[in-house]
Amino acid sequence: MAKEIKARYSDGELDDFRKLIDDKIKKAQADLELLRSAYMNDGNNGTDDTSPTFKAFEEGSETMSKEANTQLAIRQEKFIRDLKNAMIRIENKTYGICRMTGKLINKKRLLLVPHATLSIEAKNMQK
């Protein structure tokens, strides 16, 4: 007897993924707020009375730090957007279906990368 290929995850499984993704969104939003507060900081670290050389070094370091935090914030915003898109796919009951092959994405992959839209098979075909 041929093994039946599952077309989609059950409603119960989708609920489990919804909870996982909801937790990840909350954590990601909290992390994003930390990043935003870090690069919106006024940067006054009390270097007003220190040597000009140290102050220049400090300002350069601060600029690099702000740029790094901005890049991290951009990546975090994309991650949150991807997670929210995954929630939409759960509502549409299309979550976990590879957009390239139409097959179910392995559950272990979704637990590690809950916003995945490609199976490992499809991802490897892209290389």
PDB file of N, CA and C in Angstrom:
ATOM      1  N   MET A   1       0.843  -1.190   0.000  1.00  0.00           N
ATOM      2  CA  MET A   1       0.000   0.000   0.000  1.00  0.00           C
ATOM      3  C   MET A   1       0.887   1.253   0.000  1.00  0.00           C
ATOM      4  N   ALA A   2       0.600   2.183  -0.878  1.00  0.00           N
ATOM      5  CA  ALA A   2       1.402   3.401  -1.000  1.00  0.00           C
ATOM      6  C   ALA A   2       1.188   4.298   0.207  1.00  0.00           C
ATOM      7  N   LYS A   3       2.274   4.942   0.607  1.00  0.00           N
ATOM      8  CA  LYS A   3       2.206   5.870   1.745  1.00  0.00           C
ATOM      9  C   LYS A   3       1.488   7.133   1.291  1.00  0.00           C
ATOM     10  N   GLU A   4       0.475   7.508   2.069  1.00  0.00           N
ATOM     11  CA  GLU A   4      -0.289   8.709   1.736  1.00  0.00           C
ATOM     12  C   GLU A   4       0.532   9.950   2.072  1.00  0.00           C
ATOM     13  N   ILE A   5       0.619  10.870   1.136  1.00  0.00           N
ATOM     14  CA  ILE A   5       1.353  12.125   1.360  1.00  0.00           C
ATOM     15  C   ILE A   5       0.369  13.139   1.935  1.00  0.00           C
ATOM     16  N   LYS A   6       0.748  13.677   3.068  1.00  0.00           N
ATOM     17  CA  LYS A   6      -0.087  14.650   3.767  1.00  0.00           C
ATOM     18  C   LYS A   6      -0.071  15.972   3.003  1.00  0.00           C
ATOM     19  N   ALA A   7      -1.247  16.533   2.741  1.00  0.00           N
ATOM     20  CA  ALA A   7      -1.349  17.769   1.962  1.00  0.00           C
ATOM     21  C   ALA A   7      -1.086  19.017   2.799  1.00  0.00           C
ATOM     22  N   ARG A   8      -1.434  18.942   4.103  1.00  0.00           N
ATOM     23  CA  ARG A   8      -1.217  20.107   4.970  1.00  0.00           C
ATOM     24  C   ARG A   8      -1.142  19.633   6.407  1.00  0.00           C
ATOM     25  N   TYR A   9      -0.682  20.528   7.273  1.00  0.00           N
ATOM     26  CA  TYR A   9      -0.646  20.222   8.698  1.00  0.00           C
ATOM     27  C   TYR A   9      -2.056  20.328   9.275  1.00  0.00           C
ATOM     28  N   SER A  10      -2.342  19.508  10.283  1.00  0.00           N
ATOM     29  CA  SER A  10      -3.668  19.501  10.913  1.00  0.00           C
ATOM     30  C   SER A  10      -3.890  20.813  11.664  1.00  0.00           C
ATOM     31  N   ASP A  11      -5.147  21.073  12.001  1.00  0.00           N
ATOM     32  CA  ASP A  11      -5.471  22.291  12.752  1.00  0.00           C
ATOM     33  C   ASP A  11      -4.742  22.305  14.096  1.00  0.00           C
ATOM     34  N   GLY A  12      -4.633  21.150  14.738  1.00  0.00           N
ATOM     35  CA  GLY A  12      -3.917  21.050  16.006  1.00  0.00           C
ATOM     36  C   GLY A  12      -2.443  21.393  15.846  1.00  0.00           C
ATOM     37  N   GLU A  13      -1.833  20.865  14.785  1.00  0.00           N
ATOM     38  CA  GLU A  13      -0.424  21.175  14.515  1.00  0.00           C
ATOM     39  C   GLU A  13      -0.252  22.655  14.201  1.00  0.00           C
ATOM     40  N   LEU A  14      -1.195  23.219  13.444  1.00  0.00           N
ATOM     41  CA  LEU A  14      -1.132  24.649  13.119  1.00  0.00           C
ATOM     42  C   LEU A  14      -1.251  25.494  14.381  1.00  0.00           C
ATOM     43  N   ASP A  15      -2.086  25.056  15.335  1.00  0.00           N
ATOM     44  CA  ASP A  15      -2.197  25.770  16.612  1.00  0.00           C
ATOM     45  C   ASP A  15      -0.872  25.753  17.365  1.00  0.00           C
ATOM     46  N   ASP A  16      -0.188  24.600  17.337  1.00  0.00           N
ATOM     47  CA  ASP A  16       1.120  24.502  17.995  1.00  0.00           C
ATOM     48  C   ASP A  16       2.113  25.474  17.355  1.00  0.00           C
ATOM     49  N   PHE A  17       2.121  25.520  16.018  1.00  0.00           N
ATOM     50  CA  PHE A  17       3.016  26.442  15.310  1.00  0.00           C
ATOM     51  C   PHE A  17       2.635  27.893  15.613  1.00  0.00           C
ATOM     52  N   ARG A  18       1.328  28.169  15.709  1.00  0.00           N
ATOM     53  CA  ARG A  18       0.860  29.532  16.007  1.00  0.00           C
ATOM     54  C   ARG A  18       1.425  29.994  17.356  1.00  0.00           C
ATOM     55  N   LYS A  19       1.357  29.120  18.355  1.00  0.00           N
ATOM     56  CA  LYS A  19       1.879  29.470  19.685  1.00  0.00           C
ATOM     57  C   LYS A  19       3.385  29.716  19.626  1.00  0.00           C
ATOM     58  N   LEU A  20       4.094  28.839  18.936  1.00  0.00           N
ATOM     59  CA  LEU A  20       5.550  28.978  18.791  1.00  0.00           C
ATOM     60  C   LEU A  20       5.898  30.315  18.132  1.00  0.00           C
ATOM     61  N   ILE A  21       5.219  30.619  17.035  1.00  0.00           N
ATOM     62  CA  ILE A  21       5.505  31.847  16.281  1.00  0.00           C
ATOM     63  C   ILE A  21       5.099  33.079  17.083  1.00  0.00           C
ATOM     64  N   ASP A  22       3.965  33.001  17.780  1.00  0.00           N
ATOM     65  CA  ASP A  22       3.531  34.131  18.601  1.00  0.00           C
ATOM     66  C   ASP A  22       4.579  34.446  19.671  1.00  0.00           C
ATOM     67  N   ASP A  23       5.121  33.416  20.308  1.00  0.00           N
ATOM     68  CA  ASP A  23       6.185  33.618  21.309  1.00  0.00           C
ATOM     69  C   ASP A  23       7.420  34.251  20.670  1.00  0.00           C
ATOM     70  N   LYS A  24       7.772  33.783  19.471  1.00  0.00           N
ATOM     71  CA  LYS A  24       8.951  34.318  18.777  1.00  0.00           C
ATOM     72  C   LYS A  24       8.729  35.784  18.388  1.00  0.00           C
ATOM     73  N   ILE A  25       7.520  36.126  17.975  1.00  0.00           N
ATOM     74  CA  ILE A  25       7.214  37.521  17.618  1.00  0.00           C
ATOM     75  C   ILE A  25       7.369  38.412  18.843  1.00  0.00           C
ATOM     76  N   LYS A  26       6.824  37.978  19.977  1.00  0.00           N
ATOM     77  CA  LYS A  26       6.915  38.784  21.206  1.00  0.00           C
ATOM     78  C   LYS A  26       8.371  39.005  21.603  1.00  0.00           C
ATOM     79  N   LYS A  27       9.171  37.949  21.542  1.00  0.00           N
ATOM     80  CA  LYS A  27      10.582  38.063  21.903  1.00  0.00           C
ATOM     81  C   LYS A  27      11.314  38.966  20.902  1.00  0.00           C
ATOM     82  N   ALA A  28      11.042  38.776  19.620  1.00  0.00           N
ATOM     83  CA  ALA A  28      11.698  39.576  18.578  1.00  0.00           C
ATOM     84  C   ALA A  28      11.337  41.052  18.719  1.00  0.00           C
ATOM     85  N   GLN A  29      10.087  41.354  19.076  1.00  0.00           N
ATOM     86  CA  GLN A  29       9.682  42.752  19.249  1.00  0.00           C
ATOM     87  C   GLN A  29      10.363  43.369  20.467  1.00  0.00           C
ATOM     88  N   ALA A  30      10.526  42.585  21.518  1.00  0.00           N
ATOM     89  CA  ALA A  30      11.228  43.081  22.709  1.00  0.00           C
ATOM     90  C   ALA A  30      12.699  43.346  22.366  1.00  0.00           C
ATOM     91  N   ASP A  31      13.309  42.431  21.604  1.00  0.00           N
ATOM     92  CA  ASP A  31      14.700  42.623  21.172  1.00  0.00           C
ATOM     93  C   ASP A  31      14.836  43.863  20.290  1.00  0.00           C
ATOM     94  N   LEU A  32      13.863  44.070  19.412  1.00  0.00           N
ATOM     95  CA  LEU A  32      13.884  45.234  18.523  1.00  0.00           C
ATOM     96  C   LEU A  32      13.803  46.528  19.344  1.00  0.00           C
ATOM     97  N   GLU A  33      12.965  46.542  20.365  1.00  0.00           N
ATOM     98  CA  GLU A  33      12.867  47.733  21.219  1.00  0.00           C
ATOM     99  C   GLU A  33      14.199  48.020  21.904  1.00  0.00           C
ATOM    100  N   LEU A  34      14.888  46.978  22.360  1.00  0.00           N
ATOM    101  CA  LEU A  34      16.214  47.162  22.965  1.00  0.00           C
ATOM    102  C   LEU A  34      17.191  47.764  21.958  1.00  0.00           C
ATOM    103  N   LEU A  35      17.177  47.240  20.735  1.00  0.00           N
ATOM    104  CA  LEU A  35      18.071  47.784  19.701  1.00  0.00           C
ATOM    105  C   LEU A  35      17.753  49.242  19.397  1.00  0.00           C
ATOM    106  N   ARG A  36      16.461  49.525  19.270  1.00  0.00           N
ATOM    107  CA  ARG A  36      16.058  50.913  18.975  1.00  0.00           C
ATOM    108  C   ARG A  36      16.488  51.849  20.096  1.00  0.00           C
ATOM    109  N   SER A  37      16.299  51.426  21.332  1.00  0.00           N
ATOM    110  CA  SER A  37      16.683  52.311  22.433  1.00  0.00           C
ATOM    111  C   SER A  37      18.196  52.479  22.476  1.00  0.00           C
ATOM    112  N   ALA A  38      18.934  51.462  22.049  1.00  0.00           N
ATOM    113  CA  ALA A  38      20.403  51.556  22.040  1.00  0.00           C
ATOM    114  C   ALA A  38      20.872  52.569  21.002  1.00  0.00           C
ATOM    115  N   TYR A  39      20.282  52.565  19.794  1.00  0.00           N
ATOM    116  CA  TYR A  39      20.775  53.516  18.796  1.00  0.00           C
ATOM    117  C   TYR A  39      20.087  54.864  18.861  1.00  0.00           C
ATOM    118  N   MET A  40      19.043  54.994  19.674  1.00  0.00           N
ATOM    119  CA  MET A  40      18.417  56.301  19.861  1.00  0.00           C
ATOM    120  C   MET A  40      18.998  56.996  21.095  1.00  0.00           C
ATOM    121  N   ASN A  41      19.856  56.297  21.820  1.00  0.00           N
ATOM    122  CA  ASN A  41      20.491  56.827  23.026  1.00  0.00           C
ATOM    123  C   ASN A  41      21.255  58.099  22.672  1.00  0.00           C
ATOM    124  N   ASP A  42      21.257  59.048  23.596  1.00  0.00           N
ATOM    125  CA  ASP A  42      21.932  60.321  23.297  1.00  0.00           C
ATOM    126  C   ASP A  42      23.451  60.167  23.224  1.00  0.00           C
ATOM    127  N   GLY A  43      23.957  59.054  23.689  1.00  0.00           N
ATOM    128  CA  GLY A  43      25.392  58.791  23.533  1.00  0.00           C
ATOM    129  C   GLY A  43      26.272  59.560  24.483  1.00  0.00           C
ATOM    130  N   ASN A  44      25.717  60.231  25.453  1.00  0.00           N
ATOM    131  CA  ASN A  44      26.548  60.983  26.397  1.00  0.00           C
ATOM    132  C   ASN A  44      27.047  60.025  27.471  1.00  0.00           C
ATOM    133  N   ASN A  45      28.274  59.570  27.288  1.00  0.00           N
ATOM    134  CA  ASN A  45      28.861  58.617  28.223  1.00  0.00           C
ATOM    135  C   ASN A  45      29.840  59.295  29.169  1.00  0.00           C
ATOM    136  N   GLY A  46      29.696  60.567  29.354  1.00  0.00           N
ATOM    137  CA  GLY A  46      30.545  61.279  30.299  1.00  0.00           C
ATOM    138  C   GLY A  46      31.973  61.469  29.812  1.00  0.00           C
ATOM    139  N   THR A  47      32.182  61.640  28.511  1.00  0.00           N
ATOM    140  CA  THR A  47      33.542  61.833  27.978  1.00  0.00           C
ATOM    141  C   THR A  47      33.845  63.311  27.777  1.00  0.00           C
ATOM    142  N   ASP A  48      32.980  64.191  28.291  1.00  0.00           N
ATOM    143  CA  ASP A  48      33.158  65.636  28.084  1.00  0.00           C
ATOM    144  C   ASP A  48      34.487  66.158  28.628  1.00  0.00           C
ATOM    145  N   ASP A  49      34.957  65.603  29.727  1.00  0.00           N
ATOM    146  CA  ASP A  49      36.171  66.148  30.348  1.00  0.00           C
ATOM    147  C   ASP A  49      37.409  65.272  30.109  1.00  0.00           C
ATOM    148  N   THR A  50      37.333  64.354  29.167  1.00  0.00           N
ATOM    149  CA  THR A  50      38.495  63.498  28.902  1.00  0.00           C
ATOM    150  C   THR A  50      39.297  64.055  27.736  1.00  0.00           C
ATOM    151  N   SER A  51      40.404  63.436  27.467  1.00  0.00           N
ATOM    152  CA  SER A  51      41.303  63.949  26.424  1.00  0.00           C
ATOM    153  C   SER A  51      40.628  63.954  25.048  1.00  0.00           C
ATOM    154  N   PRO A  52      40.993  64.894  24.173  1.00  0.00           N
ATOM    155  CA  PRO A  52      40.401  64.971  22.829  1.00  0.00           C
ATOM    156  C   PRO A  52      40.609  63.679  22.024  1.00  0.00           C
ATOM    157  N   THR A  53      41.741  63.010  22.187  1.00  0.00           N
ATOM    158  CA  THR A  53      42.009  61.777  21.440  1.00  0.00           C
ATOM    159  C   THR A  53      41.018  60.696  21.829  1.00  0.00           C
ATOM    160  N   PHE A  54      40.815  60.535  23.133  1.00  0.00           N
ATOM    161  CA  PHE A  54      39.876  59.526  23.603  1.00  0.00           C
ATOM    162  C   PHE A  54      38.468  59.857  23.142  1.00  0.00           C
ATOM    163  N   LYS A  55      38.113  61.152  23.202  1.00  0.00           N
ATOM    164  CA  LYS A  55      36.775  61.583  22.800  1.00  0.00           C
ATOM    165  C   LYS A  55      36.531  61.263  21.319  1.00  0.00           C
ATOM    166  N   ALA A  56      37.516  61.496  20.453  1.00  0.00           N
ATOM    167  CA  ALA A  56      37.378  61.187  19.025  1.00  0.00           C
ATOM    168  C   ALA A  56      37.195  59.691  18.829  1.00  0.00           C
ATOM    169  N   PHE A  57      37.981  58.907  19.560  1.00  0.00           N
ATOM    170  CA  PHE A  57      37.863  57.449  19.484  1.00  0.00           C
ATOM    171  C   PHE A  57      36.474  57.012  19.933  1.00  0.00           C
ATOM    172  N   GLU A  58      36.007  57.599  21.017  1.00  0.00           N
ATOM    173  CA  GLU A  58      34.699  57.263  21.576  1.00  0.00           C
ATOM    174  C   GLU A  58      33.587  57.590  20.576  1.00  0.00           C
ATOM    175  N   GLU A  59      33.675  58.755  19.921  1.00  0.00           N
ATOM    176  CA  GLU A  59      32.656  59.157  18.949  1.00  0.00           C
ATOM    177  C   GLU A  59      32.662  58.240  17.735  1.00  0.00           C
ATOM    178  N   GLY A  60      33.850  57.844  17.285  1.00  0.00           N
ATOM    179  CA  GLY A  60      33.952  56.911  16.158  1.00  0.00           C
ATOM    180  C   GLY A  60      33.352  55.568  16.506  1.00  0.00           C
ATOM    181  N   SER A  61      33.641  55.102  17.690  1.00  0.00           N
ATOM    182  CA  SER A  61      33.100  53.838  18.169  1.00  0.00           C
ATOM    183  C   SER A  61      31.585  53.906  18.279  1.00  0.00           C
ATOM    184  N   GLU A  62      31.092  55.056  18.760  1.00  0.00           N
ATOM    185  CA  GLU A  62      29.653  55.254  18.913  1.00  0.00           C
ATOM    186  C   GLU A  62      28.960  55.214  17.552  1.00  0.00           C
ATOM    187  N   THR A  63      29.580  55.850  16.535  1.00  0.00           N
ATOM    188  CA  THR A  63      29.010  55.854  15.189  1.00  0.00           C
ATOM    189  C   THR A  63      28.932  54.435  14.634  1.00  0.00           C
ATOM    190  N   MET A  64      30.026  53.676  14.789  1.00  0.00           N
ATOM    191  CA  MET A  64      30.020  52.299  14.316  1.00  0.00           C
ATOM    192  C   MET A  64      28.974  51.484  15.049  1.00  0.00           C
ATOM    193  N   SER A  65      28.827  51.707  16.342  1.00  0.00           N
ATOM    194  CA  SER A  65      27.862  50.981  17.143  1.00  0.00           C
ATOM    195  C   SER A  65      26.439  51.307  16.693  1.00  0.00           C
ATOM    196  N   LYS A  66      26.181  52.584  16.419  1.00  0.00           N
ATOM    197  CA  LYS A  66      24.852  52.980  15.945  1.00  0.00           C
ATOM    198  C   LYS A  66      24.551  52.332  14.599  1.00  0.00           C
ATOM    199  N   GLU A  67      25.547  52.291  13.700  1.00  0.00           N
ATOM    200  CA  GLU A  67      25.345  51.655  12.397  1.00  0.00           C
ATOM    201  C   GLU A  67      25.073  50.169  12.559  1.00  0.00           C
ATOM    202  N   ALA A  68      25.833  49.511  13.439  1.00  0.00           N
ATOM    203  CA  ALA A  68      25.632  48.078  13.680  1.00  0.00           C
ATOM    204  C   ALA A  68      24.245  47.839  14.272  1.00  0.00           C
ATOM    205  N   ASN A  69      23.853  48.653  15.224  1.00  0.00           N
ATOM    206  CA  ASN A  69      22.525  48.513  15.833  1.00  0.00           C
ATOM    207  C   ASN A  69      21.419  48.767  14.815  1.00  0.00           C
ATOM    208  N   THR A  70      21.626  49.735  13.929  1.00  0.00           N
ATOM    209  CA  THR A  70      20.640  50.013  12.888  1.00  0.00           C
ATOM    210  C   THR A  70      20.492  48.804  11.973  1.00  0.00           C
ATOM    211  N   GLN A  71      21.614  48.208  11.563  1.00  0.00           N
ATOM    212  CA  GLN A  71      21.568  47.013  10.707  1.00  0.00           C
ATOM    213  C   GLN A  71      20.871  45.854  11.422  1.00  0.00           C
ATOM    214  N   LEU A  72      21.196  45.672  12.693  1.00  0.00           N
ATOM    215  CA  LEU A  72      20.540  44.609  13.465  1.00  0.00           C
ATOM    216  C   LEU A  72      19.038  44.872  13.576  1.00  0.00           C
ATOM    217  N   ALA A  73      18.662  46.133  13.763  1.00  0.00           N
ATOM    218  CA  ALA A  73      17.243  46.488  13.862  1.00  0.00           C
ATOM    219  C   ALA A  73      16.523  46.202  12.547  1.00  0.00           C
ATOM    220  N   ILE A  74      17.163  46.507  11.433  1.00  0.00           N
ATOM    221  CA  ILE A  74      16.566  46.234  10.114  1.00  0.00           C
ATOM    222  C   ILE A  74      16.345  44.732   9.932  1.00  0.00           C
ATOM    223  N   ARG A  75      17.354  43.944  10.311  1.00  0.00           N
ATOM    224  CA  ARG A  75      17.225  42.479  10.213  1.00  0.00           C
ATOM    225  C   ARG A  75      16.113  41.978  11.134  1.00  0.00           C
ATOM    226  N   GLN A  76      16.012  42.560  12.315  1.00  0.00           N
ATOM    227  CA  GLN A  76      14.988  42.138  13.281  1.00  0.00           C
ATOM    228  C   GLN A  76      13.597  42.474  12.748  1.00  0.00           C
ATOM    229  N   GLU A  77      13.451  43.651  12.126  1.00  0.00           N
ATOM    230  CA  GLU A  77      12.163  44.037  11.540  1.00  0.00           C
ATOM    231  C   GLU A  77      11.756  43.062  10.446  1.00  0.00           C
ATOM    232  N   LYS A  78      12.719  42.637   9.618  1.00  0.00           N
ATOM    233  CA  LYS A  78      12.433  41.659   8.562  1.00  0.00           C
ATOM    234  C   LYS A  78      12.016  40.325   9.171  1.00  0.00           C
ATOM    235  N   PHE A  79      12.706  39.902  10.227  1.00  0.00           N
ATOM    236  CA  PHE A  79      12.380  38.654  10.918  1.00  0.00           C
ATOM    237  C   PHE A  79      10.943  38.702  11.443  1.00  0.00           C
ATOM    238  N   ILE A  80      10.565  39.816  12.069  1.00  0.00           N
ATOM    239  CA  ILE A  80       9.202  39.973  12.589  1.00  0.00           C
ATOM    240  C   ILE A  80       8.191  39.923  11.447  1.00  0.00           C
ATOM    241  N   ARG A  81       8.495  40.598  10.349  1.00  0.00           N
ATOM    242  CA  ARG A  81       7.609  40.592   9.176  1.00  0.00           C
ATOM    243  C   ARG A  81       7.444  39.165   8.636  1.00  0.00           C
ATOM    244  N   ASP A  82       8.550  38.412   8.560  1.00  0.00           N
ATOM    245  CA  ASP A  82       8.493  37.025   8.089  1.00  0.00           C
ATOM    246  C   ASP A  82       7.644  36.162   9.018  1.00  0.00           C
ATOM    247  N   LEU A  83       7.790  36.384  10.332  1.00  0.00           N
ATOM    248  CA  LEU A  83       6.989  35.620  11.301  1.00  0.00           C
ATOM    249  C   LEU A  83       5.503  35.968  11.162  1.00  0.00           C
ATOM    250  N   LYS A  84       5.198  37.245  10.968  1.00  0.00           N
ATOM    251  CA  LYS A  84       3.798  37.659  10.806  1.00  0.00           C
ATOM    252  C   LYS A  84       3.208  37.073   9.521  1.00  0.00           C
ATOM    253  N   ASN A  85       4.027  37.001   8.477  1.00  0.00           N
ATOM    254  CA  ASN A  85       3.571  36.366   7.234  1.00  0.00           C
ATOM    255  C   ASN A  85       3.293  34.878   7.456  1.00  0.00           C
ATOM    256  N   ALA A  86       4.100  34.237   8.305  1.00  0.00           N
ATOM    257  CA  ALA A  86       3.873  32.833   8.643  1.00  0.00           C
ATOM    258  C   ALA A  86       2.524  32.681   9.357  1.00  0.00           C
ATOM    259  N   MET A  87       2.186  33.640  10.224  1.00  0.00           N
ATOM    260  CA  MET A  87       0.893  33.605  10.914  1.00  0.00           C
ATOM    261  C   MET A  87      -0.262  33.695   9.912  1.00  0.00           C
ATOM    262  N   ILE A  88      -0.082  34.500   8.878  1.00  0.00           N
ATOM    263  CA  ILE A  88      -1.116  34.609   7.826  1.00  0.00           C
ATOM    264  C   ILE A  88      -1.271  33.267   7.127  1.00  0.00           C
ATOM    265  N   ARG A  89      -0.131  32.605   6.852  1.00  0.00           N
ATOM    266  CA  ARG A  89      -0.200  31.287   6.204  1.00  0.00           C
ATOM    267  C   ARG A  89      -0.894  30.262   7.108  1.00  0.00           C
ATOM    268  N   ILE A  90      -0.723  30.397   8.414  1.00  0.00           N
ATOM    269  CA  ILE A  90      -1.424  29.504   9.349  1.00  0.00           C
ATOM    270  C   ILE A  90      -2.932  29.739   9.229  1.00  0.00           C
ATOM    271  N   GLU A  91      -3.335  31.014   9.221  1.00  0.00           N
ATOM    272  CA  GLU A  91      -4.765  31.350   9.096  1.00  0.00           C
ATOM    273  C   GLU A  91      -5.341  30.816   7.785  1.00  0.00           C
ATOM    274  N   ASN A  92      -4.534  30.865   6.717  1.00  0.00           N
ATOM    275  CA  ASN A  92      -4.976  30.385   5.396  1.00  0.00           C
ATOM    276  C   ASN A  92      -4.845  28.875   5.253  1.00  0.00           C
ATOM    277  N   LYS A  93      -4.269  28.231   6.285  1.00  0.00           N
ATOM    278  CA  LYS A  93      -4.001  26.787   6.292  1.00  0.00           C
ATOM    279  C   LYS A  93      -3.048  26.362   5.177  1.00  0.00           C
ATOM    280  N   THR A  94      -2.162  27.294   4.809  1.00  0.00           N
ATOM    281  CA  THR A  94      -1.131  26.970   3.813  1.00  0.00           C
ATOM    282  C   THR A  94       0.247  26.919   4.465  1.00  0.00           C
ATOM    283  N   TYR A  95       0.293  27.073   5.781  1.00  0.00           N
ATOM    284  CA  TYR A  95       1.562  27.070   6.506  1.00  0.00           C
ATOM    285  C   TYR A  95       2.242  25.712   6.381  1.00  0.00           C
ATOM    286  N   GLY A  96       3.554  25.762   6.162  1.00  0.00           N
ATOM    287  CA  GLY A  96       4.334  24.528   6.119  1.00  0.00           C
ATOM    288  C   GLY A  96       4.353  23.855   4.765  1.00  0.00           C
ATOM    289  N   ILE A  97       3.763  24.494   3.782  1.00  0.00           N
ATOM    290  CA  ILE A  97       3.779  23.942   2.427  1.00  0.00           C
ATOM    291  C   ILE A  97       4.849  24.679   1.632  1.00  0.00           C
ATOM    292  N   CYS A  98       5.786  23.925   1.066  1.00  0.00           N
ATOM    293  CA  CYS A  98       6.890  24.511   0.306  1.00  0.00           C
ATOM    294  C   CYS A  98       6.340  25.271  -0.895  1.00  0.00           C
ATOM    295  N   ARG A  99       6.759  26.518  -1.051  1.00  0.00           N
ATOM    296  CA  ARG A  99       6.250  27.332  -2.164  1.00  0.00           C
ATOM    297  C   ARG A  99       6.826  26.908  -3.502  1.00  0.00           C
ATOM    298  N   MET A 100       7.865  26.063  -3.485  1.00  0.00           N
ATOM    299  CA  MET A 100       8.460  25.606  -4.740  1.00  0.00           C
ATOM    300  C   MET A 100       7.958  24.219  -5.153  1.00  0.00           C
ATOM    301  N   THR A 101       7.924  23.295  -4.187  1.00  0.00           N
ATOM    302  CA  THR A 101       7.577  21.917  -4.528  1.00  0.00           C
ATOM    303  C   THR A 101       6.124  21.577  -4.221  1.00  0.00           C
ATOM    304  N   GLY A 102       5.483  22.364  -3.347  1.00  0.00           N
ATOM    305  CA  GLY A 102       4.112  22.069  -2.953  1.00  0.00           C
ATOM    306  C   GLY A 102       4.019  20.964  -1.907  1.00  0.00           C
ATOM    307  N   LYS A 103       5.158  20.439  -1.483  1.00  0.00           N
ATOM    308  CA  LYS A 103       5.182  19.381  -0.466  1.00  0.00           C
ATOM    309  C   LYS A 103       5.270  20.006   0.912  1.00  0.00           C
ATOM    310  N   LEU A 104       4.945  19.197   1.927  1.00  0.00           N
ATOM    311  CA  LEU A 104       5.064  19.692   3.298  1.00  0.00           C
ATOM    312  C   LEU A 104       6.519  19.869   3.676  1.00  0.00           C
ATOM    313  N   ILE A 105       6.812  20.972   4.336  1.00  0.00           N
ATOM    314  CA  ILE A 105       8.151  21.211   4.866  1.00  0.00           C
ATOM    315  C   ILE A 105       8.278  20.372   6.139  1.00  0.00           C
ATOM    316  N   ASN A 106       9.412  19.741   6.316  1.00  0.00           N
ATOM    317  CA  ASN A 106       9.649  18.891   7.472  1.00  0.00           C
ATOM    318  C   ASN A 106       9.370  19.657   8.763  1.00  0.00           C
ATOM    319  N   LYS A 107       8.656  18.993   9.685  1.00  0.00           N
ATOM    320  CA  LYS A 107       8.259  19.625  10.947  1.00  0.00           C
ATOM    321  C   LYS A 107       9.475  20.092  11.755  1.00  0.00           C
ATOM    322  N   LYS A 108      10.559  19.315  11.734  1.00  0.00           N
ATOM    323  CA  LYS A 108      11.768  19.706  12.483  1.00  0.00           C
ATOM    324  C   LYS A 108      12.326  21.019  11.938  1.00  0.00           C
ATOM    325  N   ARG A 109      12.287  21.174  10.619  1.00  0.00           N
ATOM    326  CA  ARG A 109      12.768  22.424  10.008  1.00  0.00           C
ATOM    327  C   ARG A 109      11.906  23.597  10.464  1.00  0.00           C
ATOM    328  N   LEU A 110      10.596  23.398  10.488  1.00  0.00           N
ATOM    329  CA  LEU A 110       9.694  24.482  10.890  1.00  0.00           C
ATOM    330  C   LEU A 110       9.855  24.838  12.364  1.00  0.00           C
ATOM    331  N   LEU A 111      10.193  23.861  13.188  1.00  0.00           N
ATOM    332  CA  LEU A 111      10.419  24.159  14.606  1.00  0.00           C
ATOM    333  C   LEU A 111      11.672  25.011  14.786  1.00  0.00           C
ATOM    334  N   LEU A 112      12.670  24.791  13.920  1.00  0.00           N
ATOM    335  CA  LEU A 112      13.912  25.575  13.985  1.00  0.00           C
ATOM    336  C   LEU A 112      13.790  26.909  13.257  1.00  0.00           C
ATOM    337  N   VAL A 113      13.114  26.887  12.104  1.00  0.00           N
ATOM    338  CA  VAL A 113      12.942  28.093  11.274  1.00  0.00           C
ATOM    339  C   VAL A 113      11.439  28.215  10.964  1.00  0.00           C
ATOM    340  N   PRO A 114      10.660  28.707  11.941  1.00  0.00           N
ATOM    341  CA  PRO A 114       9.201  28.693  11.771  1.00  0.00           C
ATOM    342  C   PRO A 114       8.665  29.558  10.636  1.00  0.00           C
ATOM    343  N   HIS A 115       9.488  30.441  10.089  1.00  0.00           N
ATOM    344  CA  HIS A 115       9.029  31.287   8.984  1.00  0.00           C
ATOM    345  C   HIS A 115       9.471  30.732   7.624  1.00  0.00           C
ATOM    346  N   ALA A 116      10.018  29.513   7.607  1.00  0.00           N
ATOM    347  CA  ALA A 116      10.508  28.919   6.358  1.00  0.00           C
ATOM    348  C   ALA A 116       9.366  28.752   5.351  1.00  0.00           C
ATOM    349  N   THR A 117       9.675  29.027   4.090  1.00  0.00           N
ATOM    350  CA  THR A 117       8.692  28.828   3.021  1.00  0.00           C
ATOM    351  C   THR A 117       9.194  27.808   2.004  1.00  0.00           C
ATOM    352  N   LEU A 118      10.421  27.315   2.233  1.00  0.00           N
ATOM    353  CA  LEU A 118      11.002  26.321   1.334  1.00  0.00           C
ATOM    354  C   LEU A 118      11.431  25.091   2.126  1.00  0.00           C
ATOM    355  N   SER A 119      11.231  23.928   1.522  1.00  0.00           N
ATOM    356  CA  SER A 119      11.753  22.701   2.116  1.00  0.00           C
ATOM    357  C   SER A 119      13.265  22.680   1.895  1.00  0.00           C
ATOM    358  N   ILE A 120      13.949  21.816   2.611  1.00  0.00           N
ATOM    359  CA  ILE A 120      15.402  21.681   2.418  1.00  0.00           C
ATOM    360  C   ILE A 120      15.681  21.279   0.971  1.00  0.00           C
ATOM    361  N   GLU A 121      14.847  20.398   0.443  1.00  0.00           N
ATOM    362  CA  GLU A 121      14.991  19.942  -0.950  1.00  0.00           C
ATOM    363  C   GLU A 121      14.958  21.137  -1.912  1.00  0.00           C
ATOM    364  N   ALA A 122      13.979  22.009  -1.737  1.00  0.00           N
ATOM    365  CA  ALA A 122      13.840  23.186  -2.610  1.00  0.00           C
ATOM    366  C   ALA A 122      14.984  24.166  -2.380  1.00  0.00           C
ATOM    367  N   LYS A 123      15.386  24.328  -1.123  1.00  0.00           N
ATOM    368  CA  LYS A 123      16.499  25.240  -0.790  1.00  0.00           C
ATOM    369  C   LYS A 123      17.767  24.772  -1.477  1.00  0.00           C
ATOM    370  N   ASN A 124      18.006  23.470  -1.454  1.00  0.00           N
ATOM    371  CA  ASN A 124      19.200  22.919  -2.102  1.00  0.00           C
ATOM    372  C   ASN A 124      19.150  23.076  -3.616  1.00  0.00           C
ATOM    373  N   MET A 125      17.958  23.061  -4.200  1.00  0.00           N
ATOM    374  CA  MET A 125      17.812  23.246  -5.663  1.00  0.00           C
ATOM    375  C   MET A 125      18.179  24.663  -6.068  1.00  0.00           C
ATOM    376  N   GLN A 126      18.073  25.615  -5.134  1.00  0.00           N
ATOM    377  CA  GLN A 126      18.374  27.012  -5.436  1.00  0.00           C
ATOM    378  C   GLN A 126      19.873  27.269  -5.535  1.00  0.00           C
ATOM    379  N   LYS A 127      20.667  26.409  -4.920  1.00  0.00           N
ATOM    380  CA  LYS A 127      22.129  26.649  -4.879  1.00  0.00           C
ATOM    381  C   LYS A 127      22.776  26.463  -6.219  1.00  0.00           C
TER     382      LYS A 127
END
